[in-house]
Amino acid sequence: MRTNVDALVGKKARVTAEIDNDEARGTAMVSGQEWTARSADGSRIPRDTMVQIQAVSGVKLIVSKCKEQLSVFLSLRLWYF
């Protein structure tokens, strides 16, 4: 049986405060609720970045940057330079 928390896995969220695992800080907004968030790979994730929820650990979202956002950034960067 899936719980409401389990249903968050795979959803997208917006980072509302920079995620920095080393400083133990960061938040993300999903479905109108703000959650504490941590990066799945330990990288910093800036505010307003779209992320995908990989897991929920207690009251923290474990997230990674959305692949679509990375590909758009890389294509814009290649075009600009």
PDB file of N, CA and C in Angstrom:
ATOM      1  N   MET A   1       0.841  -1.183   0.000  1.00  0.00           N
ATOM      2  CA  MET A   1       0.000   0.000   0.000  1.00  0.00           C
ATOM      3  C   MET A   1       0.889   1.251   0.000  1.00  0.00           C
ATOM      4  N   ARG A   2       0.657   2.155  -0.932  1.00  0.00           N
ATOM      5  CA  ARG A   2       1.414   3.399  -1.006  1.00  0.00           C
ATOM      6  C   ARG A   2       0.815   4.439  -0.072  1.00  0.00           C
ATOM      7  N   THR A   3       1.700   5.176   0.577  1.00  0.00           N
ATOM      8  CA  THR A   3       1.240   6.271   1.425  1.00  0.00           C
ATOM      9  C   THR A   3       1.330   7.569   0.636  1.00  0.00           C
ATOM     10  N   ASN A   4       0.813   8.650   1.196  1.00  0.00           N
ATOM     11  CA  ASN A   4       0.902   9.953   0.536  1.00  0.00           C
ATOM     12  C   ASN A   4       2.348  10.358   0.318  1.00  0.00           C
ATOM     13  N   VAL A   5       3.207  10.042   1.265  1.00  0.00           N
ATOM     14  CA  VAL A   5       4.628  10.374   1.148  1.00  0.00           C
ATOM     15  C   VAL A   5       5.258   9.578   0.007  1.00  0.00           C
ATOM     16  N   ASP A   6       4.932   8.299  -0.103  1.00  0.00           N
ATOM     17  CA  ASP A   6       5.466   7.474  -1.190  1.00  0.00           C
ATOM     18  C   ASP A   6       5.074   8.036  -2.550  1.00  0.00           C
ATOM     19  N   ALA A   7       3.902   8.651  -2.628  1.00  0.00           N
ATOM     20  CA  ALA A   7       3.410   9.198  -3.892  1.00  0.00           C
ATOM     21  C   ALA A   7       4.246  10.395  -4.358  1.00  0.00           C
ATOM     22  N   LEU A   8       5.064  10.984  -3.484  1.00  0.00           N
ATOM     23  CA  LEU A   8       5.912  12.115  -3.866  1.00  0.00           C
ATOM     24  C   LEU A   8       7.094  11.682  -4.731  1.00  0.00           C
ATOM     25  N   VAL A   9       7.545  10.448  -4.573  1.00  0.00           N
ATOM     26  CA  VAL A   9       8.700   9.955  -5.330  1.00  0.00           C
ATOM     27  C   VAL A   9       8.387  10.013  -6.825  1.00  0.00           C
ATOM     28  N   GLY A  10       9.292  10.665  -7.571  1.00  0.00           N
ATOM     29  CA  GLY A  10       9.108  10.827  -9.014  1.00  0.00           C
ATOM     30  C   GLY A  10       8.522  12.166  -9.400  1.00  0.00           C
ATOM     31  N   LYS A  11       7.913  12.872  -8.447  1.00  0.00           N
ATOM     32  CA  LYS A  11       7.332  14.186  -8.745  1.00  0.00           C
ATOM     33  C   LYS A  11       8.419  15.243  -8.848  1.00  0.00           C
ATOM     34  N   LYS A  12       8.046  16.349  -9.480  1.00  0.00           N
ATOM     35  CA  LYS A  12       8.959  17.480  -9.592  1.00  0.00           C
ATOM     36  C   LYS A  12       8.646  18.491  -8.502  1.00  0.00           C
ATOM     37  N   ALA A  13       9.689  19.204  -8.076  1.00  0.00           N
ATOM     38  CA  ALA A  13       9.562  20.228  -7.049  1.00  0.00           C
ATOM     39  C   ALA A  13      10.447  21.406  -7.450  1.00  0.00           C
ATOM     40  N   ARG A  14      10.191  22.562  -6.841  1.00  0.00           N
ATOM     41  CA  ARG A  14      11.008  23.758  -7.089  1.00  0.00           C
ATOM     42  C   ARG A  14      11.780  24.075  -5.824  1.00  0.00           C
ATOM     43  N   VAL A  15      13.087  24.276  -5.971  1.00  0.00           N
ATOM     44  CA  VAL A  15      13.938  24.607  -4.826  1.00  0.00           C
ATOM     45  C   VAL A  15      13.605  26.026  -4.382  1.00  0.00           C
ATOM     46  N   THR A  16      13.264  26.192  -3.110  1.00  0.00           N
ATOM     47  CA  THR A  16      12.892  27.509  -2.576  1.00  0.00           C
ATOM     48  C   THR A  16      14.007  28.135  -1.743  1.00  0.00           C
ATOM     49  N   ALA A  17      14.981  27.335  -1.317  1.00  0.00           N
ATOM     50  CA  ALA A  17      16.193  27.828  -0.637  1.00  0.00           C
ATOM     51  C   ALA A  17      17.306  26.875  -1.049  1.00  0.00           C
ATOM     52  N   GLU A  18      18.451  27.439  -1.428  1.00  0.00           N
ATOM     53  CA  GLU A  18      19.556  26.623  -1.940  1.00  0.00           C
ATOM     54  C   GLU A  18      19.765  25.366  -1.098  1.00  0.00           C
ATOM     55  N   ILE A  19      19.937  24.252  -1.791  1.00  0.00           N
ATOM     56  CA  ILE A  19      20.206  22.978  -1.120  1.00  0.00           C
ATOM     57  C   ILE A  19      21.715  22.807  -1.017  1.00  0.00           C
ATOM     58  N   ASP A  20      22.189  22.626   0.201  1.00  0.00           N
ATOM     59  CA  ASP A  20      23.606  22.425   0.477  1.00  0.00           C
ATOM     60  C   ASP A  20      23.708  21.391   1.597  1.00  0.00           C
ATOM     61  N   ASN A  21      24.034  20.169   1.230  1.00  0.00           N
ATOM     62  CA  ASN A  21      24.098  19.088   2.217  1.00  0.00           C
ATOM     63  C   ASN A  21      25.150  19.354   3.288  1.00  0.00           C
ATOM     64  N   ASP A  22      26.289  19.949   2.893  1.00  0.00           N
ATOM     65  CA  ASP A  22      27.363  20.208   3.860  1.00  0.00           C
ATOM     66  C   ASP A  22      26.926  21.184   4.954  1.00  0.00           C
ATOM     67  N   GLU A  23      26.079  22.135   4.584  1.00  0.00           N
ATOM     68  CA  GLU A  23      25.572  23.123   5.548  1.00  0.00           C
ATOM     69  C   GLU A  23      24.242  22.688   6.170  1.00  0.00           C
ATOM     70  N   ALA A  24      23.751  21.522   5.773  1.00  0.00           N
ATOM     71  CA  ALA A  24      22.475  20.980   6.264  1.00  0.00           C
ATOM     72  C   ALA A  24      21.340  21.980   6.080  1.00  0.00           C
ATOM     73  N   ARG A  25      21.226  22.507   4.846  1.00  0.00           N
ATOM     74  CA  ARG A  25      20.133  23.450   4.572  1.00  0.00           C
ATOM     75  C   ARG A  25      19.570  23.225   3.180  1.00  0.00           C
ATOM     76  N   GLY A  26      18.367  23.713   3.001  1.00  0.00           N
ATOM     77  CA  GLY A  26      17.700  23.645   1.705  1.00  0.00           C
ATOM     78  C   GLY A  26      16.246  23.256   1.868  1.00  0.00           C
ATOM     79  N   THR A  27      15.422  23.855   1.005  1.00  0.00           N
ATOM     80  CA  THR A  27      13.993  23.526   0.998  1.00  0.00           C
ATOM     81  C   THR A  27      13.496  23.454  -0.437  1.00  0.00           C
ATOM     82  N   ALA A  28      12.401  22.735  -0.607  1.00  0.00           N
ATOM     83  CA  ALA A  28      11.769  22.610  -1.920  1.00  0.00           C
ATOM     84  C   ALA A  28      10.256  22.590  -1.734  1.00  0.00           C
ATOM     85  N   MET A  29       9.555  23.104  -2.735  1.00  0.00           N
ATOM     86  CA  MET A  29       8.095  23.172  -2.709  1.00  0.00           C
ATOM     87  C   MET A  29       7.520  22.141  -3.677  1.00  0.00           C
ATOM     88  N   VAL A  30       6.601  21.327  -3.165  1.00  0.00           N
ATOM     89  CA  VAL A  30       5.903  20.342  -3.989  1.00  0.00           C
ATOM     90  C   VAL A  30       4.449  20.286  -3.532  1.00  0.00           C
ATOM     91  N   SER A  31       3.555  20.318  -4.476  1.00  0.00           N
ATOM     92  CA  SER A  31       2.117  20.240  -4.189  1.00  0.00           C
ATOM     93  C   SER A  31       1.682  21.255  -3.138  1.00  0.00           C
ATOM     94  N   GLY A  32       2.265  22.456  -3.206  1.00  0.00           N
ATOM     95  CA  GLY A  32       1.874  23.526  -2.299  1.00  0.00           C
ATOM     96  C   GLY A  32       2.452  23.427  -0.896  1.00  0.00           C
ATOM     97  N   GLN A  33       3.329  22.451  -0.647  1.00  0.00           N
ATOM     98  CA  GLN A  33       3.929  22.294   0.680  1.00  0.00           C
ATOM     99  C   GLN A  33       5.446  22.420   0.579  1.00  0.00           C
ATOM    100  N   GLU A  34       6.027  23.134   1.551  1.00  0.00           N
ATOM    101  CA  GLU A  34       7.478  23.283   1.588  1.00  0.00           C
ATOM    102  C   GLU A  34       8.079  22.191   2.466  1.00  0.00           C
ATOM    103  N   TRP A  35       9.114  21.536   1.945  1.00  0.00           N
ATOM    104  CA  TRP A  35       9.792  20.447   2.634  1.00  0.00           C
ATOM    105  C   TRP A  35      11.272  20.780   2.777  1.00  0.00           C
ATOM    106  N   THR A  36      11.901  20.257   3.806  1.00  0.00           N
ATOM    107  CA  THR A  36      13.353  20.263   3.888  1.00  0.00           C
ATOM    108  C   THR A  36      13.837  19.349   2.766  1.00  0.00           C
ATOM    109  N   ALA A  37      14.925  19.741   2.100  1.00  0.00           N
ATOM    110  CA  ALA A  37      15.413  18.947   0.972  1.00  0.00           C
ATOM    111  C   ALA A  37      16.922  18.780   1.029  1.00  0.00           C
ATOM    112  N   ARG A  38      17.386  17.649   0.538  1.00  0.00           N
ATOM    113  CA  ARG A  38      18.809  17.357   0.415  1.00  0.00           C
ATOM    114  C   ARG A  38      19.076  16.792  -0.978  1.00  0.00           C
ATOM    115  N   SER A  39      20.281  17.027  -1.459  1.00  0.00           N
ATOM    116  CA  SER A  39      20.692  16.566  -2.782  1.00  0.00           C
ATOM    117  C   SER A  39      21.063  15.087  -2.747  1.00  0.00           C
ATOM    118  N   ALA A  40      20.582  14.327  -3.716  1.00  0.00           N
ATOM    119  CA  ALA A  40      20.875  12.894  -3.773  1.00  0.00           C
ATOM    120  C   ALA A  40      22.357  12.626  -4.014  1.00  0.00           C
ATOM    121  N   ASP A  41      23.026  13.493  -4.794  1.00  0.00           N
ATOM    122  CA  ASP A  41      24.437  13.266  -5.108  1.00  0.00           C
ATOM    123  C   ASP A  41      25.385  14.177  -4.321  1.00  0.00           C
ATOM    124  N   GLY A  42      24.850  14.976  -3.413  1.00  0.00           N
ATOM    125  CA  GLY A  42      25.679  15.836  -2.585  1.00  0.00           C
ATOM    126  C   GLY A  42      26.019  17.185  -3.199  1.00  0.00           C
ATOM    127  N   SER A  43      25.585  17.424  -4.441  1.00  0.00           N
ATOM    128  CA  SER A  43      25.898  18.703  -5.086  1.00  0.00           C
ATOM    129  C   SER A  43      24.973  19.806  -4.567  1.00  0.00           C
ATOM    130  N   ARG A  44      25.454  21.042  -4.659  1.00  0.00           N
ATOM    131  CA  ARG A  44      24.598  22.184  -4.305  1.00  0.00           C
ATOM    132  C   ARG A  44      23.588  22.391  -5.420  1.00  0.00           C
ATOM    133  N   ILE A  45      22.377  22.763  -5.023  1.00  0.00           N
ATOM    134  CA  ILE A  45      21.327  23.029  -6.007  1.00  0.00           C
ATOM    135  C   ILE A  45      20.770  24.414  -5.700  1.00  0.00           C
ATOM    136  N   PRO A  46      20.893  25.350  -6.658  1.00  0.00           N
ATOM    137  CA  PRO A  46      20.453  26.726  -6.416  1.00  0.00           C
ATOM    138  C   PRO A  46      18.936  26.884  -6.331  1.00  0.00           C
ATOM    139  N   ARG A  47      18.548  27.981  -5.706  1.00  0.00           N
ATOM    140  CA  ARG A  47      17.132  28.351  -5.599  1.00  0.00           C
ATOM    141  C   ARG A  47      16.517  28.448  -6.997  1.00  0.00           C
ATOM    142  N   ASP A  48      15.244  28.108  -7.105  1.00  0.00           N
ATOM    143  CA  ASP A  48      14.441  28.144  -8.326  1.00  0.00           C
ATOM    144  C   ASP A  48      14.785  27.057  -9.334  1.00  0.00           C
ATOM    145  N   THR A  49      15.662  26.121  -8.973  1.00  0.00           N
ATOM    146  CA  THR A  49      15.956  24.973  -9.837  1.00  0.00           C
ATOM    147  C   THR A  49      14.828  23.959  -9.701  1.00  0.00           C
ATOM    148  N   MET A  50      14.444  23.359 -10.820  1.00  0.00           N
ATOM    149  CA  MET A  50      13.463  22.279 -10.785  1.00  0.00           C
ATOM    150  C   MET A  50      14.201  20.973 -10.502  1.00  0.00           C
ATOM    151  N   VAL A  51      13.673  20.215  -9.551  1.00  0.00           N
ATOM    152  CA  VAL A  51      14.286  18.956  -9.141  1.00  0.00           C
ATOM    153  C   VAL A  51      13.245  17.843  -9.190  1.00  0.00           C
ATOM    154  N   GLN A  52      13.749  16.610  -9.215  1.00  0.00           N
ATOM    155  CA  GLN A  52      12.868  15.449  -9.155  1.00  0.00           C
ATOM    156  C   GLN A  52      13.121  14.741  -7.831  1.00  0.00           C
ATOM    157  N   ILE A  53      12.051  14.350  -7.177  1.00  0.00           N
ATOM    158  CA  ILE A  53      12.142  13.680  -5.879  1.00  0.00           C
ATOM    159  C   ILE A  53      12.534  12.221  -6.106  1.00  0.00           C
ATOM    160  N   GLN A  54      13.670  11.836  -5.509  1.00  0.00           N
ATOM    161  CA  GLN A  54      14.171  10.462  -5.632  1.00  0.00           C
ATOM    162  C   GLN A  54      13.701   9.587  -4.473  1.00  0.00           C
ATOM    163  N   ALA A  55      13.558  10.200  -3.304  1.00  0.00           N
ATOM    164  CA  ALA A  55      13.158   9.450  -2.105  1.00  0.00           C
ATOM    165  C   ALA A  55      12.693  10.433  -1.042  1.00  0.00           C
ATOM    166  N   VAL A  56      12.075   9.894  -0.014  1.00  0.00           N
ATOM    167  CA  VAL A  56      11.706  10.680   1.164  1.00  0.00           C
ATOM    168  C   VAL A  56      12.337   9.975   2.357  1.00  0.00           C
ATOM    169  N   SER A  57      13.139  10.737   3.116  1.00  0.00           N
ATOM    170  CA  SER A  57      13.810  10.190   4.292  1.00  0.00           C
ATOM    171  C   SER A  57      13.313  10.951   5.512  1.00  0.00           C
ATOM    172  N   GLY A  58      12.435  10.335   6.273  1.00  0.00           N
ATOM    173  CA  GLY A  58      11.815  11.023   7.410  1.00  0.00           C
ATOM    174  C   GLY A  58      10.985  12.187   6.907  1.00  0.00           C
ATOM    175  N   VAL A  59      11.412  13.415   7.236  1.00  0.00           N
ATOM    176  CA  VAL A  59      10.684  14.601   6.773  1.00  0.00           C
ATOM    177  C   VAL A  59      11.498  15.378   5.724  1.00  0.00           C
ATOM    178  N   LYS A  60      12.461  14.699   5.101  1.00  0.00           N
ATOM    179  CA  LYS A  60      13.301  15.346   4.087  1.00  0.00           C
ATOM    180  C   LYS A  60      13.091  14.713   2.720  1.00  0.00           C
ATOM    181  N   LEU A  61      13.042  15.578   1.700  1.00  0.00           N
ATOM    182  CA  LEU A  61      13.034  15.103   0.325  1.00  0.00           C
ATOM    183  C   LEU A  61      14.478  14.897  -0.123  1.00  0.00           C
ATOM    184  N   ILE A  62      14.729  13.810  -0.802  1.00  0.00           N
ATOM    185  CA  ILE A  62      16.031  13.561  -1.426  1.00  0.00           C
ATOM    186  C   ILE A  62      15.812  13.789  -2.917  1.00  0.00           C
ATOM    187  N   VAL A  63      16.516  14.792  -3.468  1.00  0.00           N
ATOM    188  CA  VAL A  63      16.201  15.252  -4.826  1.00  0.00           C
ATOM    189  C   VAL A  63      17.436  15.282  -5.723  1.00  0.00           C
ATOM    190  N   SER A  64      17.174  15.317  -7.037  1.00  0.00           N
ATOM    191  CA  SER A  64      18.237  15.533  -8.018  1.00  0.00           C
ATOM    192  C   SER A  64      17.704  16.508  -9.058  1.00  0.00           C
ATOM    193  N   LYS A  65      18.623  17.206  -9.733  1.00  0.00           N
ATOM    194  CA  LYS A  65      18.213  18.163 -10.765  1.00  0.00           C
ATOM    195  C   LYS A  65      17.475  17.427 -11.866  1.00  0.00           C
ATOM    196  N   CYS A  66      16.442  18.078 -12.411  1.00  0.00           N
ATOM    197  CA  CYS A  66      15.689  17.495 -13.524  1.00  0.00           C
ATOM    198  C   CYS A  66      16.590  17.419 -14.754  1.00  0.00           C
ATOM    199  N   LYS A  67      16.548  16.302 -15.435  1.00  0.00           N
ATOM    200  CA  LYS A  67      17.366  16.115 -16.629  1.00  0.00           C
ATOM    201  C   LYS A  67      17.010  17.118 -17.723  1.00  0.00           C
ATOM    202  N   GLU A  68      15.728  17.454 -17.857  1.00  0.00           N
ATOM    203  CA  GLU A  68      15.303  18.411 -18.888  1.00  0.00           C
ATOM    204  C   GLU A  68      15.977  19.756 -18.665  1.00  0.00           C
ATOM    205  N   GLN A  69      16.060  20.186 -17.422  1.00  0.00           N
ATOM    206  CA  GLN A  69      16.654  21.478 -17.108  1.00  0.00           C
ATOM    207  C   GLN A  69      18.141  21.459 -17.439  1.00  0.00           C
ATOM    208  N   LEU A  70      18.824  20.357 -17.169  1.00  0.00           N
ATOM    209  CA  LEU A  70      20.241  20.254 -17.477  1.00  0.00           C
ATOM    210  C   LEU A  70      20.484  20.321 -18.974  1.00  0.00           C
ATOM    211  N   SER A  71      19.656  19.640 -19.773  1.00  0.00           N
ATOM    212  CA  SER A  71      19.875  19.640 -21.220  1.00  0.00           C
ATOM    213  C   SER A  71      19.602  21.011 -21.821  1.00  0.00           C
ATOM    214  N   VAL A  72      18.602  21.735 -21.319  1.00  0.00           N
ATOM    215  CA  VAL A  72      18.329  23.090 -21.799  1.00  0.00           C
ATOM    216  C   VAL A  72      19.502  23.998 -21.459  1.00  0.00           C
ATOM    217  N   PHE A  73      20.018  23.891 -20.242  1.00  0.00           N
ATOM    218  CA  PHE A  73      21.159  24.704 -19.829  1.00  0.00           C
ATOM    219  C   PHE A  73      22.362  24.429 -20.724  1.00  0.00           C
ATOM    220  N   LEU A  74      22.652  23.152 -20.969  1.00  0.00           N
ATOM    221  CA  LEU A  74      23.819  22.805 -21.781  1.00  0.00           C
ATOM    222  C   LEU A  74      23.665  23.287 -23.213  1.00  0.00           C
ATOM    223  N   SER A  75      22.479  23.160 -23.788  1.00  0.00           N
ATOM    224  CA  SER A  75      22.288  23.615 -25.168  1.00  0.00           C
ATOM    225  C   SER A  75      22.394  25.135 -25.250  1.00  0.00           C
ATOM    226  N   LEU A  76      21.873  25.857 -24.273  1.00  0.00           N
ATOM    227  CA  LEU A  76      22.005  27.319 -24.273  1.00  0.00           C
ATOM    228  C   LEU A  76      23.463  27.719 -24.102  1.00  0.00           C
ATOM    229  N   ARG A  77      24.162  27.015 -23.259  1.00  0.00           N
ATOM    230  CA  ARG A  77      25.568  27.335 -23.024  1.00  0.00           C
ATOM    231  C   ARG A  77      26.390  27.090 -24.290  1.00  0.00           C
ATOM    232  N   LEU A  78      26.137  25.981 -24.983  1.00  0.00           N
ATOM    233  CA  LEU A  78      26.869  25.695 -26.217  1.00  0.00           C
ATOM    234  C   LEU A  78      26.557  26.744 -27.284  1.00  0.00           C
ATOM    235  N   TRP A  79      25.309  27.167 -27.358  1.00  0.00           N
ATOM    236  CA  TRP A  79      24.913  28.154 -28.352  1.00  0.00           C
ATOM    237  C   TRP A  79      25.549  29.509 -28.054  1.00  0.00           C
ATOM    238  N   TYR A  80      25.595  29.877 -26.769  1.00  0.00           N
ATOM    239  CA  TYR A  80      26.108  31.184 -26.369  1.00  0.00           C
ATOM    240  C   TYR A  80      27.612  31.286 -26.568  1.00  0.00           C
ATOM    241  N   PHE A  81      28.333  30.219 -26.250  1.00  0.00           N
ATOM    242  CA  PHE A  81      29.796  30.259 -26.336  1.00  0.00           C
ATOM    243  C   PHE A  81      30.181  29.723 -27.660  1.00  0.00           C
TER     244      PHE A  81
END
